[in-house]
PDB file of all heavy atoms in Angstrom:
ATOM      1  N   ASN A   1     -68.197 -11.457 -14.921  1.00  0.00           N
ATOM      2  CA  ASN A   1     -68.245 -12.904 -14.705  1.00  0.00           C
ATOM      3  C   ASN A   1     -66.988 -13.381 -13.981  1.00  0.00           C
ATOM      4  O   ASN A   1     -67.070 -14.192 -13.057  1.00  0.00           O
ATOM      5  CB  ASN A   1     -68.396 -13.648 -16.033  1.00  0.00           C
ATOM      6  CG  ASN A   1     -69.767 -13.463 -16.648  1.00  0.00           C
ATOM      7  OD1 ASN A   1     -70.710 -13.044 -15.992  1.00  0.00           O
ATOM      8  ND2 ASN A   1     -69.875 -13.747 -17.933  1.00  0.00           N
ATOM      9  N   VAL A   2     -65.838 -12.876 -14.398  1.00  0.00           N
ATOM     10  CA  VAL A   2     -64.575 -13.265 -13.759  1.00  0.00           C
ATOM     11  C   VAL A   2     -64.557 -12.789 -12.310  1.00  0.00           C
ATOM     12  O   VAL A   2     -64.162 -13.528 -11.403  1.00  0.00           O
ATOM     13  CB  VAL A   2     -63.368 -12.700 -14.542  1.00  0.00           C
ATOM     14  CG1 VAL A   2     -62.075 -12.841 -13.748  1.00  0.00           C
ATOM     15  CG2 VAL A   2     -63.240 -13.407 -15.884  1.00  0.00           C
ATOM     16  N   GLN A   3     -65.026 -11.557 -12.071  1.00  0.00           N
ATOM     17  CA  GLN A   3     -65.069 -11.049 -10.707  1.00  0.00           C
ATOM     18  C   GLN A   3     -65.990 -11.905  -9.844  1.00  0.00           C
ATOM     19  O   GLN A   3     -65.668 -12.209  -8.698  1.00  0.00           O
ATOM     20  CB  GLN A   3     -65.537  -9.595 -10.693  1.00  0.00           C
ATOM     21  CG  GLN A   3     -64.487  -8.628 -11.203  1.00  0.00           C
ATOM     22  CD  GLN A   3     -65.005  -7.205 -11.315  1.00  0.00           C
ATOM     23  OE1 GLN A   3     -66.207  -6.964 -11.344  1.00  0.00           O
ATOM     24  NE2 GLN A   3     -64.091  -6.263 -11.392  1.00  0.00           N
ATOM     25  N   GLY A   4     -67.123 -12.306 -10.397  1.00  0.00           N
ATOM     26  CA  GLY A   4     -68.036 -13.173  -9.657  1.00  0.00           C
ATOM     27  C   GLY A   4     -67.391 -14.502  -9.321  1.00  0.00           C
ATOM     28  O   GLY A   4     -67.527 -15.005  -8.197  1.00  0.00           O
ATOM     29  N   ASP A   5     -66.675 -15.073 -10.286  1.00  0.00           N
ATOM     30  CA  ASP A   5     -65.975 -16.337 -10.043  1.00  0.00           C
ATOM     31  C   ASP A   5     -64.910 -16.174  -8.956  1.00  0.00           C
ATOM     32  O   ASP A   5     -64.735 -17.062  -8.118  1.00  0.00           O
ATOM     33  CB  ASP A   5     -65.324 -16.849 -11.329  1.00  0.00           C
ATOM     34  CG  ASP A   5     -66.341 -17.310 -12.365  1.00  0.00           C
ATOM     35  OD1 ASP A   5     -67.525 -17.486 -12.008  1.00  0.00           O
ATOM     36  OD2 ASP A   5     -65.950 -17.478 -13.533  1.00  0.00           O
ATOM     37  N   LEU A   6     -64.212 -15.045  -8.985  1.00  0.00           N
ATOM     38  CA  LEU A   6     -63.184 -14.808  -7.962  1.00  0.00           C
ATOM     39  C   LEU A   6     -63.798 -14.679  -6.574  1.00  0.00           C
ATOM     40  O   LEU A   6     -63.279 -15.248  -5.610  1.00  0.00           O
ATOM     41  CB  LEU A   6     -62.384 -13.549  -8.300  1.00  0.00           C
ATOM     42  CG  LEU A   6     -61.389 -13.686  -9.442  1.00  0.00           C
ATOM     43  CD1 LEU A   6     -60.771 -12.324  -9.776  1.00  0.00           C
ATOM     44  CD2 LEU A   6     -60.288 -14.672  -9.093  1.00  0.00           C
ATOM     45  N   TRP A   7     -64.916 -13.954  -6.458  1.00  0.00           N
ATOM     46  CA  TRP A   7     -65.564 -13.808  -5.152  1.00  0.00           C
ATOM     47  C   TRP A   7     -66.072 -15.155  -4.652  1.00  0.00           C
ATOM     48  O   TRP A   7     -65.991 -15.451  -3.457  1.00  0.00           O
ATOM     49  CB  TRP A   7     -66.700 -12.784  -5.210  1.00  0.00           C
ATOM     50  CG  TRP A   7     -66.193 -11.373  -5.174  1.00  0.00           C
ATOM     51  CD1 TRP A   7     -66.316 -10.428  -6.157  1.00  0.00           C
ATOM     52  CD2 TRP A   7     -65.479 -10.732  -4.111  1.00  0.00           C
ATOM     53  NE1 TRP A   7     -65.717  -9.261  -5.764  1.00  0.00           N
ATOM     54  CE2 TRP A   7     -65.198  -9.418  -4.518  1.00  0.00           C
ATOM     55  CE3 TRP A   7     -65.048 -11.152  -2.856  1.00  0.00           C
ATOM     56  CZ2 TRP A   7     -64.504  -8.524  -3.695  1.00  0.00           C
ATOM     57  CZ3 TRP A   7     -64.350 -10.254  -2.051  1.00  0.00           C
ATOM     58  CH2 TRP A   7     -64.095  -8.963  -2.467  1.00  0.00           C
ATOM     59  N   GLU A   8     -66.558 -15.982  -5.564  1.00  0.00           N
ATOM     60  CA  GLU A   8     -67.016 -17.316  -5.176  1.00  0.00           C
ATOM     61  C   GLU A   8     -65.850 -18.152  -4.647  1.00  0.00           C
ATOM     62  O   GLU A   8     -65.966 -18.837  -3.625  1.00  0.00           O
ATOM     63  CB  GLU A   8     -67.671 -18.005  -6.371  1.00  0.00           C
ATOM     64  CG  GLU A   8     -68.306 -19.326  -6.054  1.00  0.00           C
ATOM     65  CD  GLU A   8     -69.022 -19.928  -7.252  1.00  0.00           C
ATOM     66  OE1 GLU A   8     -69.607 -19.186  -8.042  1.00  0.00           O
ATOM     67  OE2 GLU A   8     -68.975 -21.156  -7.377  1.00  0.00           O
ATOM     68  N   ALA A   9     -64.719 -18.065  -5.337  1.00  0.00           N
ATOM     69  CA  ALA A   9     -63.536 -18.813  -4.904  1.00  0.00           C
ATOM     70  C   ALA A   9     -63.041 -18.300  -3.548  1.00  0.00           C
ATOM     71  O   ALA A   9     -62.657 -19.087  -2.686  1.00  0.00           O
ATOM     72  CB  ALA A   9     -62.421 -18.697  -5.949  1.00  0.00           C
ATOM     73  N   ILE A  10     -63.064 -16.988  -3.348  1.00  0.00           N
ATOM     74  CA  ILE A  10     -62.633 -16.414  -2.073  1.00  0.00           C
ATOM     75  C   ILE A  10     -63.549 -16.891  -0.948  1.00  0.00           C
ATOM     76  O   ILE A  10     -63.088 -17.231   0.146  1.00  0.00           O
ATOM     77  CB  ILE A  10     -62.604 -14.871  -2.162  1.00  0.00           C
ATOM     78  CG1 ILE A  10     -61.430 -14.445  -3.044  1.00  0.00           C
ATOM     79  CG2 ILE A  10     -62.512 -14.236  -0.784  1.00  0.00           C
ATOM     80  CD1 ILE A  10     -61.447 -12.986  -3.445  1.00  0.00           C
ATOM     81  N   ALA A  11     -64.851 -16.950  -1.215  1.00  0.00           N
ATOM     82  CA  ALA A  11     -65.804 -17.431  -0.200  1.00  0.00           C
ATOM     83  C   ALA A  11     -65.529 -18.890   0.153  1.00  0.00           C
ATOM     84  O   ALA A  11     -65.564 -19.273   1.332  1.00  0.00           O
ATOM     85  CB  ALA A  11     -67.234 -17.261  -0.706  1.00  0.00           C
ATOM     86  N   GLU A  12     -65.238 -19.707  -0.855  1.00  0.00           N
ATOM     87  CA  GLU A  12     -64.931 -21.117  -0.602  1.00  0.00           C
ATOM     88  C   GLU A  12     -63.655 -21.260   0.228  1.00  0.00           C
ATOM     89  O   GLU A  12     -63.587 -22.087   1.147  1.00  0.00           O
ATOM     90  CB  GLU A  12     -64.797 -21.875  -1.916  1.00  0.00           C
ATOM     91  CG  GLU A  12     -66.127 -22.076  -2.636  1.00  0.00           C
ATOM     92  CD  GLU A  12     -65.967 -22.766  -3.974  1.00  0.00           C
ATOM     93  OE1 GLU A  12     -64.887 -23.319  -4.266  1.00  0.00           O
ATOM     94  OE2 GLU A  12     -66.948 -22.753  -4.746  1.00  0.00           O
ATOM     95  N   ILE A  13     -62.659 -20.444  -0.078  1.00  0.00           N
ATOM     96  CA  ILE A  13     -61.414 -20.479   0.694  1.00  0.00           C
ATOM     97  C   ILE A  13     -61.687 -20.063   2.134  1.00  0.00           C
ATOM     98  O   ILE A  13     -61.163 -20.668   3.077  1.00  0.00           O
ATOM     99  CB  ILE A  13     -60.343 -19.569   0.044  1.00  0.00           C
ATOM    100  CG1 ILE A  13     -59.885 -20.182  -1.279  1.00  0.00           C
ATOM    101  CG2 ILE A  13     -59.161 -19.349   0.985  1.00  0.00           C
ATOM    102  CD1 ILE A  13     -59.044 -19.258  -2.126  1.00  0.00           C
ATOM    103  N   GLY A  14     -62.525 -19.054   2.318  1.00  0.00           N
ATOM    104  CA  GLY A  14     -62.882 -18.616   3.661  1.00  0.00           C
ATOM    105  C   GLY A  14     -63.545 -19.725   4.457  1.00  0.00           C
ATOM    106  O   GLY A  14     -63.241 -19.922   5.639  1.00  0.00           O
ATOM    107  N   GLU A  15     -64.443 -20.458   3.809  1.00  0.00           N
ATOM    108  CA  GLU A  15     -65.103 -21.574   4.487  1.00  0.00           C
ATOM    109  C   GLU A  15     -64.091 -22.646   4.882  1.00  0.00           C
ATOM    110  O   GLU A  15     -64.149 -23.189   5.988  1.00  0.00           O
ATOM    111  CB  GLU A  15     -66.180 -22.181   3.585  1.00  0.00           C
ATOM    112  CG  GLU A  15     -67.384 -21.276   3.374  1.00  0.00           C
ATOM    113  CD  GLU A  15     -68.356 -21.816   2.340  1.00  0.00           C
ATOM    114  OE1 GLU A  15     -68.174 -22.959   1.870  1.00  0.00           O
ATOM    115  OE2 GLU A  15     -69.289 -21.074   2.006  1.00  0.00           O
ATOM    116  N   GLU A  16     -63.163 -22.951   3.991  1.00  0.00           N
ATOM    117  CA  GLU A  16     -62.134 -23.940   4.298  1.00  0.00           C
ATOM    118  C   GLU A  16     -61.248 -23.472   5.452  1.00  0.00           C
ATOM    119  O   GLU A  16     -60.849 -24.276   6.295  1.00  0.00           O
ATOM    120  CB  GLU A  16     -61.278 -24.232   3.060  1.00  0.00           C
ATOM    121  CG  GLU A  16     -62.014 -24.961   1.959  1.00  0.00           C
ATOM    122  CD  GLU A  16     -62.425 -26.369   2.350  1.00  0.00           C
ATOM    123  OE1 GLU A  16     -61.673 -27.042   3.080  1.00  0.00           O
ATOM    124  OE2 GLU A  16     -63.515 -26.788   1.918  1.00  0.00           O
ATOM    125  N   LEU A  17     -60.957 -22.178   5.485  1.00  0.00           N
ATOM    126  CA  LEU A  17     -60.142 -21.652   6.586  1.00  0.00           C
ATOM    127  C   LEU A  17     -60.871 -21.763   7.920  1.00  0.00           C
ATOM    128  O   LEU A  17     -60.243 -22.046   8.951  1.00  0.00           O
ATOM    129  CB  LEU A  17     -59.754 -20.200   6.317  1.00  0.00           C
ATOM    130  CG  LEU A  17     -58.664 -19.991   5.272  1.00  0.00           C
ATOM    131  CD1 LEU A  17     -58.489 -18.511   4.977  1.00  0.00           C
ATOM    132  CD2 LEU A  17     -57.348 -20.603   5.726  1.00  0.00           C
ATOM    133  N   LEU A  18     -62.179 -21.555   7.923  1.00  0.00           N
ATOM    134  CA  LEU A  18     -62.948 -21.706   9.160  1.00  0.00           C
ATOM    135  C   LEU A  18     -62.897 -23.146   9.664  1.00  0.00           C
ATOM    136  O   LEU A  18     -62.728 -23.393  10.858  1.00  0.00           O
ATOM    137  CB  LEU A  18     -64.401 -21.274   8.939  1.00  0.00           C
ATOM    138  CG  LEU A  18     -64.637 -19.774   8.788  1.00  0.00           C
ATOM    139  CD1 LEU A  18     -66.095 -19.500   8.431  1.00  0.00           C
ATOM    140  CD2 LEU A  18     -64.250 -19.038  10.056  1.00  0.00           C
ATOM    141  N   VAL A  19     -63.025 -24.102   8.742  1.00  0.00           N
ATOM    142  CA  VAL A  19     -62.950 -25.514   9.119  1.00  0.00           C
ATOM    143  C   VAL A  19     -61.553 -25.829   9.653  1.00  0.00           C
ATOM    144  O   VAL A  19     -61.405 -26.481  10.683  1.00  0.00           O
ATOM    145  CB  VAL A  19     -63.301 -26.421   7.918  1.00  0.00           C
ATOM    146  CG1 VAL A  19     -62.991 -27.880   8.212  1.00  0.00           C
ATOM    147  CG2 VAL A  19     -64.763 -26.245   7.537  1.00  0.00           C
ATOM    148  N   PHE A  20     -60.532 -25.346   8.961  1.00  0.00           N
ATOM    149  CA  PHE A  20     -59.156 -25.573   9.396  1.00  0.00           C
ATOM    150  C   PHE A  20     -58.930 -24.981  10.784  1.00  0.00           C
ATOM    151  O   PHE A  20     -58.319 -25.612  11.658  1.00  0.00           O
ATOM    152  CB  PHE A  20     -58.179 -24.961   8.387  1.00  0.00           C
ATOM    153  CG  PHE A  20     -56.740 -25.068   8.801  1.00  0.00           C
ATOM    154  CD1 PHE A  20     -56.054 -26.253   8.663  1.00  0.00           C
ATOM    155  CD2 PHE A  20     -56.084 -23.967   9.348  1.00  0.00           C
ATOM    156  CE1 PHE A  20     -54.736 -26.360   9.050  1.00  0.00           C
ATOM    157  CE2 PHE A  20     -54.758 -24.065   9.743  1.00  0.00           C
ATOM    158  CZ  PHE A  20     -54.079 -25.262   9.592  1.00  0.00           C
ATOM    159  N   ASP A  21     -59.437 -23.758  11.003  1.00  0.00           N
ATOM    160  CA  ASP A  21     -59.266 -23.102  12.297  1.00  0.00           C
ATOM    161  C   ASP A  21     -59.940 -23.900  13.408  1.00  0.00           C
ATOM    162  O   ASP A  21     -59.383 -24.040  14.505  1.00  0.00           O
ATOM    163  CB  ASP A  21     -59.834 -21.682  12.235  1.00  0.00           C
ATOM    164  CG  ASP A  21     -59.572 -20.907  13.508  1.00  0.00           C
ATOM    165  OD1 ASP A  21     -58.404 -20.828  13.928  1.00  0.00           O
ATOM    166  OD2 ASP A  21     -60.553 -20.383  14.084  1.00  0.00           O
ATOM    167  N   ALA A  22     -61.122 -24.428  13.138  1.00  0.00           N
ATOM    168  CA  ALA A  22     -61.826 -25.233  14.142  1.00  0.00           C
ATOM    169  C   ALA A  22     -61.035 -26.502  14.466  1.00  0.00           C
ATOM    170  O   ALA A  22     -60.910 -26.889  15.639  1.00  0.00           O
ATOM    171  CB  ALA A  22     -63.222 -25.587  13.641  1.00  0.00           C
ATOM    172  N   ARG A  23     -60.487 -27.143  13.443  1.00  0.00           N
ATOM    173  CA  ARG A  23     -59.691 -28.361  13.673  1.00  0.00           C
ATOM    174  C   ARG A  23     -58.419 -28.036  14.444  1.00  0.00           C
ATOM    175  O   ARG A  23     -58.016 -28.786  15.346  1.00  0.00           O
ATOM    176  CB  ARG A  23     -59.343 -29.027  12.339  1.00  0.00           C
ATOM    177  CG  ARG A  23     -60.534 -29.655  11.668  1.00  0.00           C
ATOM    178  CD  ARG A  23     -60.143 -30.291  10.363  1.00  0.00           C
ATOM    179  NE  ARG A  23     -61.305 -30.907   9.724  1.00  0.00           N
ATOM    180  CZ  ARG A  23     -61.305 -31.319   8.480  1.00  0.00           C
ATOM    181  NH1 ARG A  23     -60.231 -31.200   7.729  1.00  0.00           N
ATOM    182  NH2 ARG A  23     -62.395 -31.858   7.963  1.00  0.00           N
ATOM    183  N   LEU A  24     -57.788 -26.933  14.102  1.00  0.00           N
ATOM    184  CA  LEU A  24     -56.576 -26.525  14.788  1.00  0.00           C
ATOM    185  C   LEU A  24     -56.872 -26.219  16.255  1.00  0.00           C
ATOM    186  O   LEU A  24     -56.114 -26.621  17.146  1.00  0.00           O
ATOM    187  CB  LEU A  24     -55.963 -25.304  14.099  1.00  0.00           C
ATOM    188  CG  LEU A  24     -54.635 -24.792  14.640  1.00  0.00           C
ATOM    189  CD1 LEU A  24     -53.565 -25.871  14.567  1.00  0.00           C
ATOM    190  CD2 LEU A  24     -54.204 -23.559  13.873  1.00  0.00           C
ATOM    191  N   SER A  25     -57.972 -25.542  16.514  1.00  0.00           N
ATOM    192  CA  SER A  25     -58.359 -25.245  17.897  1.00  0.00           C
ATOM    193  C   SER A  25     -58.590 -26.530  18.686  1.00  0.00           C
ATOM    194  O   SER A  25     -58.193 -26.630  19.853  1.00  0.00           O
ATOM    195  CB  SER A  25     -59.620 -24.381  17.924  1.00  0.00           C
ATOM    196  OG  SER A  25     -59.363 -23.107  17.390  1.00  0.00           O
ATOM    197  N   ALA A  26     -59.225 -27.510  18.064  1.00  0.00           N
ATOM    198  CA  ALA A  26     -59.463 -28.788  18.740  1.00  0.00           C
ATOM    199  C   ALA A  26     -58.144 -29.478  19.059  1.00  0.00           C
ATOM    200  O   ALA A  26     -57.976 -30.029  20.160  1.00  0.00           O
ATOM    201  CB  ALA A  26     -60.346 -29.683  17.873  1.00  0.00           C
ATOM    202  N   LEU A  27     -57.194 -29.439  18.126  1.00  0.00           N
ATOM    203  CA  LEU A  27     -55.879 -30.038  18.381  1.00  0.00           C
ATOM    204  C   LEU A  27     -55.149 -29.309  19.499  1.00  0.00           C
ATOM    205  O   LEU A  27     -54.515 -29.939  20.354  1.00  0.00           O
ATOM    206  CB  LEU A  27     -55.036 -30.017  17.110  1.00  0.00           C
ATOM    207  CG  LEU A  27     -55.421 -31.018  16.028  1.00  0.00           C
ATOM    208  CD1 LEU A  27     -54.601 -30.772  14.761  1.00  0.00           C
ATOM    209  CD2 LEU A  27     -55.202 -32.439  16.525  1.00  0.00           C
ATOM    210  N   GLU A  28     -55.240 -27.989  19.505  1.00  0.00           N
ATOM    211  CA  GLU A  28     -54.583 -27.218  20.565  1.00  0.00           C
ATOM    212  C   GLU A  28     -55.164 -27.578  21.930  1.00  0.00           C
ATOM    213  O   GLU A  28     -54.424 -27.713  22.908  1.00  0.00           O
ATOM    214  CB  GLU A  28     -54.747 -25.721  20.299  1.00  0.00           C
ATOM    215  CG  GLU A  28     -53.913 -25.213  19.144  1.00  0.00           C
ATOM    216  CD  GLU A  28     -54.212 -23.764  18.784  1.00  0.00           C
ATOM    217  OE1 GLU A  28     -55.287 -23.246  19.153  1.00  0.00           O
ATOM    218  OE2 GLU A  28     -53.361 -23.159  18.129  1.00  0.00           O
ATOM    219  N   LYS A  29     -56.470 -27.750  22.006  1.00  0.00           N
ATOM    220  CA  LYS A  29     -57.106 -28.127  23.270  1.00  0.00           C
ATOM    221  C   LYS A  29     -56.639 -29.505  23.721  1.00  0.00           C
ATOM    222  O   LYS A  29     -56.416 -29.730  24.911  1.00  0.00           O
ATOM    223  CB  LYS A  29     -58.628 -28.104  23.126  1.00  0.00           C
ATOM    224  CG  LYS A  29     -59.200 -26.711  23.055  1.00  0.00           C
ATOM    225  CD  LYS A  29     -60.702 -26.736  22.863  1.00  0.00           C
ATOM    226  CE  LYS A  29     -61.242 -25.335  22.669  1.00  0.00           C
ATOM    227  NZ  LYS A  29     -62.679 -25.326  22.393  1.00  0.00           N
ATOM    228  N   GLN A  30     -56.470 -30.440  22.766  1.00  0.00           N
ATOM    229  CA  GLN A  30     -55.983 -31.777  23.118  1.00  0.00           C
ATOM    230  C   GLN A  30     -54.558 -31.706  23.642  1.00  0.00           C
ATOM    231  O   GLN A  30     -54.207 -32.370  24.617  1.00  0.00           O
ATOM    232  CB  GLN A  30     -56.035 -32.703  21.906  1.00  0.00           C
ATOM    233  CG  GLN A  30     -57.416 -33.198  21.567  1.00  0.00           C
ATOM    234  CD  GLN A  30     -57.390 -34.190  20.400  1.00  0.00           C
ATOM    235  OE1 GLN A  30     -56.343 -34.429  19.811  1.00  0.00           O
ATOM    236  NE2 GLN A  30     -58.541 -34.743  20.099  1.00  0.00           N
ATOM    237  N   ILE A  31     -53.741 -30.887  22.994  1.00  0.00           N
ATOM    238  CA  ILE A  31     -52.334 -30.774  23.418  1.00  0.00           C
ATOM    239  C   ILE A  31     -52.244 -30.139  24.797  1.00  0.00           C
ATOM    240  O   ILE A  31     -51.539 -30.634  25.677  1.00  0.00           O
ATOM    241  CB  ILE A  31     -51.530 -29.972  22.377  1.00  0.00           C
ATOM    242  CG1 ILE A  31     -51.407 -30.768  21.079  1.00  0.00           C
ATOM    243  CG2 ILE A  31     -50.143 -29.611  22.918  1.00  0.00           C
ATOM    244  CD1 ILE A  31     -50.865 -29.990  19.906  1.00  0.00           C
ATOM    245  N   VAL A  32     -52.963 -29.051  25.001  1.00  0.00           N
ATOM    246  CA  VAL A  32     -52.921 -28.345  26.279  1.00  0.00           C
ATOM    247  C   VAL A  32     -53.523 -29.204  27.374  1.00  0.00           C
ATOM    248  O   VAL A  32     -53.022 -29.263  28.497  1.00  0.00           O
ATOM    249  CB  VAL A  32     -53.663 -26.991  26.173  1.00  0.00           C
ATOM    250  CG1 VAL A  32     -53.851 -26.354  27.544  1.00  0.00           C
ATOM    251  CG2 VAL A  32     -52.902 -26.045  25.266  1.00  0.00           C
ATOM    252  N   GLY A  33     -54.577 -29.926  27.057  1.00  0.00           N
ATOM    253  CA  GLY A  33     -55.253 -30.769  28.052  1.00  0.00           C
ATOM    254  C   GLY A  33     -54.591 -32.105  28.257  1.00  0.00           C
ATOM    255  O   GLY A  33     -55.043 -32.917  29.036  1.00  0.00           O
ATOM    256  N   GLY A  34     -53.524 -32.389  27.574  1.00  0.00           N
ATOM    257  CA  GLY A  34     -52.820 -33.654  27.730  1.00  0.00           C
ATOM    258  C   GLY A  34     -53.360 -34.770  26.858  1.00  0.00           C
ATOM    259  O   GLY A  34     -52.951 -35.909  26.980  1.00  0.00           O
ATOM    260  N   GLY A  35     -54.298 -34.448  26.005  1.00  0.00           N
ATOM    261  CA  GLY A  35     -54.855 -35.453  25.112  1.00  0.00           C
ATOM    262  C   GLY A  35     -55.990 -36.200  25.778  1.00  0.00           C
ATOM    263  O   GLY A  35     -56.133 -36.212  26.993  1.00  0.00           O
TER     264      GLY A  35
END
């Protein structure tokens, strides 16, 4: 049960990292493109 909970938490963190990466990429494009 604990292992299952940990894998679920890791998956949620992975999803958050994907969202963060997408936002960061968008900001980088704005900076490089002059906004």
